[in-house]
Structure formats: structure tokens, C-alpha cells
């Protein structure tokens, strides 16, 4: 009877997987959206991800199918935990800030927990009545690495964190409950010793507790990233382990760390959204079906030829692959990347364009600032139809320049272009458009001795700990003197396997484009920015304040 039931479940899952494979190509978000946590409310999925040093942060996305996503809000506008969030005195929060959030829906409210890496060593807990916000700060609990918030049926609240640690929280969620559970749930077995084991994500299904985590041994031949699951009848354990996903995907290795979501009352309809490192584009979410086999949530699509009645075979993660219809394009990034004409939002515009705009600032919801912005140094009103970027602080490199505006790039290829009025720049000012990361390719306009010069530079940041800039090595690859008041800049990103290259061009009339310099390698580096390459618009002063530029538009193309 057990085999018959398993056969029915797997057959139905096989049909569901086949249907899903006809509709999308993984990664379903082919852009930098790491550390994903997902919850489901009624027929809608809600997701939060990591954006670290970008502001506003903790983007909330929603989807009806876990394939097509759109940003609907951000949990916070800024973090005011010291000068490093403001790029003051060379201090930065690159690769730190908001990390590994957890989103939950409980008793009519959404909750988002995240840790903020580095000083002062505290987390954040926000709540909202709806995912679109507004979000309210509830508490600043102690730091708990990669925490997964969990509301149990008995009213108790817990945090699963670190590499298998359980902490019971106070009912008001402000911190640890004195005298409550606080224990390491298991010791690593021989297979997990020395492995990366983090990224907690917790579900409860059919009365059992499931803690899912990423596992990887660095430098071990043949060992890809994978997702492991620890299961127990009681929240405090004992826990047993099983690998639920272990498969290479395309040329990038394994997929690990994310969320499993479904209906606790049924084994059917479960899905997983788990990310993969894919080089210069960053960490990209892949969607797959989940099949419950002997009480374990197996991720992916069963390989052809595997006996669906064979429980042992169906519990082998190497018998599964990630669904990927190569005849399809990756789902469109419309909803989290897009063009902007920098018009003030109106009711008509909000009906015409989705998603909408940041409620507080009027900017498109696609944009995030690099670190906290200086609000008085940018404007959408001083010249309607343009975004004015004023110099706000004298600095010597792009990495410590305030008010750099960013958007994700998109794979396998994408193009971004901007129109910038540079006529009000002061001597020593540098503005432009970049493929921005720890290593950046930068199209920059330099005002020098009364002359205006267009340069393509490759800029490599050298960090010292904790996450501060020691220096930036700048190589000028090409330069062209220009006399135009308006300059058009374009960057093409090629993220096809083995490429990760940015190429650059410019125009003085917006029609005739001229390539400049050579390609620049786009690099993902967890020791510096720790995120995928971004489009970035910037303007900063190296000598004196008072200059500004007006950005007319940013245009994005999925090729």
C-alpha cells in the first residue's frame, strides 16, 4: 500500500513537473537575489532577500507562481548604525549590513527578521499588516547568524540559526527567553565536518520539524553545493539528516540555500526556491517542485528511467535534476529591473507602470542607493523630468562616494544606457555610469582644468578589514575629449558561461554610438562587495562642492 501511495504521488508530481518544465527556464530570477526566504499567504508567495549595503534594503517580492516576481516594498529605508553606513572617513559596510532575512506570516501580520553583520552586533525585527508596507521596527534582538524565525502551533516562538542552533524567543520577539530552549540541535556527522553549513530555513509538515541548510566543502573534488535537511518529531530533537538536493546545474556547480513552501495539510503542490552562485551576475534563484518521499522533501525533477516505486532510488538526491526548458527564455526581469524616465510619480504613471515608486522618495522601486543616501543632495523636483545628482562630499574614489544609484544587471545578457547633462560640473568632478562591483568597469566624465574628458577605467578596490577601502587601483583604458553638454553612455553585460564581460560605448547625440576601450571582467567576490555586478549612476567631487549633473533617463534592455 505504501508503494502504491508513493507511486501515485510521484506520478502526479511527475506530471506537475513536466507541465512546469514547459513554462520556464531556470534560474527563474537570473539576477542577484541571494539568501531567499519565502512564505505563502493564500495563493500568493512572498519573498525577502539580501541586499546588504544597498538602501532601501530587504526587498519584498511577490509572485503567484514562484516564477515571475515583482518588488512591492522594502522593509527599511536606511540603517543608522554608525558612520560606516554613511561612507564617512573611509568606513564602509560592503558585504555586511542586512543579511539572510526570514519572512513569516502569523496571526494576520508579516514579520521579517534579519541580522546586520558587524558592529553593533544586533539584528532587526520588523512587522507589517501587508507586504506592501509600511513596515515597523519591532525589536533589535541580539545577532543570530542566518536566522529562521518560526512560530509554533503552541504559541511559542523560536529562532533556528548558526549551524543548527535553536533559541526560544520572548513572546514580544525582543530577544532570548530567559530559561527557554537554547541548544545545539545536533553535532555534525563525519560528512559535514569542515563543511559550510548555514542558511537555516524551517518548515513544519505533518507534525514534524524540518531544518533545511546549505552544505558545501570548499575545495573537495566532486562535492557540489547541496541542500541538507534535518528532521525531528519534537522541536528540540533528536534530529536525523538527509540530503534533499545535490545536483550540478549547467556549468556553475550545485544549488543550495533557499526555502521550501507548501500546504502543511498536503504533500502536493510544494515548491522550492534555492539559489546558485553564477559568477559575475551573482546568486540566482532556481525554482523546482518538491516531492515528499518517505517523509523527506526531495527537490527537483526525477531523472528519466528511475523507478518511481523504488523508495530507496527516490530518496537518492542524485536521481533528481533541476527543471530547465532550454527552448524557453529566462522569465522576464520586469518587476525588479527596468527603465526610468525620472518623472515625478502621478496616479496616471502608477497605473501605467508597475511596480510603482518608493512612497517616500518618488524614485522607481527598482533603484537602491549604495549605502545611506544624502537626501538633500539629489532631487526629482529641481528640474522636472530629470534626476539631479549634486556633489555632496569631497572623496577620491567611487567606492566612498555617496549617492551612487544602482540596479541589478540581468543574465545571460543585458544593456543599460543613460543620458546625462554634464554642463554644471565643477573642476575635479567625476560623474558617469558603471558596471559596479569590487572590480568595476566605469564610463566616467571628468572635469579637469576647464576641459571635459570621457574615460573608460577599470577600477579594482583593495579592502582592509573590517570592510574598509584601503585604496582603489584605477587604470585608464581609453579617453576622449568631448565638448557636448549632454553625453549618452551605454554598458552591455555578457554573463553567458565563461564570459562575465562588460563592454562600453558612448554617443554625443543619442543615436550614433561609438565603442570605447576593451571589455572589462565582472567579478563576484565574497570578500569585498559580496554581490552581483550592478548598473550604477554616480557623481562625486574630488576638489570642491557645488557641481551637479542632471540624469534624463535610464533605459534597460534584456539583451
Foldseek 3Di string as FASTA:
>chain_A
DLLVVLLVLQVVQQVVQVVVLVPFFPPLFQFWFPLWAWADDDQKIWIWGADWLWFPHGWIWMDRQVRAIFTQAGQGGADDQDCQLQLPPLRHRFLFAWHNKEWDADPQKIKIKTWTPDPPQWIWIWMANDSNDDIDTQETEGHFANWYWDQDPVRWIWIQGDQAWIFTADSSRHYGDVVDDTDRQDDDDPVQVQWDWGQWYWDAAPQKIKTKTWTFHPPDPPTFIFIKIWIANDPSDNTDIATQAADQDDPQGGWAHWYWYDDNVDQPDIKTWTWGQQWQSFITTAIFHWGQQPNDTHTAHFAPPDDSSDSVSVRDNHRGDGSGNPVDDRHDPQNQDFKDQLAQDDPVVVVVHPPAPHPVARHRPNKIWRRNADVVQWDCPVDGRWIKGFADDADDDDNSGHDKMWGRAGPQKKKKKWKKQQQQADAQKKWFKWQDDQWIWTFIWHHHPNWTKTWTWTWHFDADPPQGTPDIDIDTQDMDTDDARMKMKMWMAHSPPPAQKIWIWIDRPVPDIDTTGDIDHRGQDSNHNNIHTIMITDMHGNPDTDGMMIIRMMGMDPD
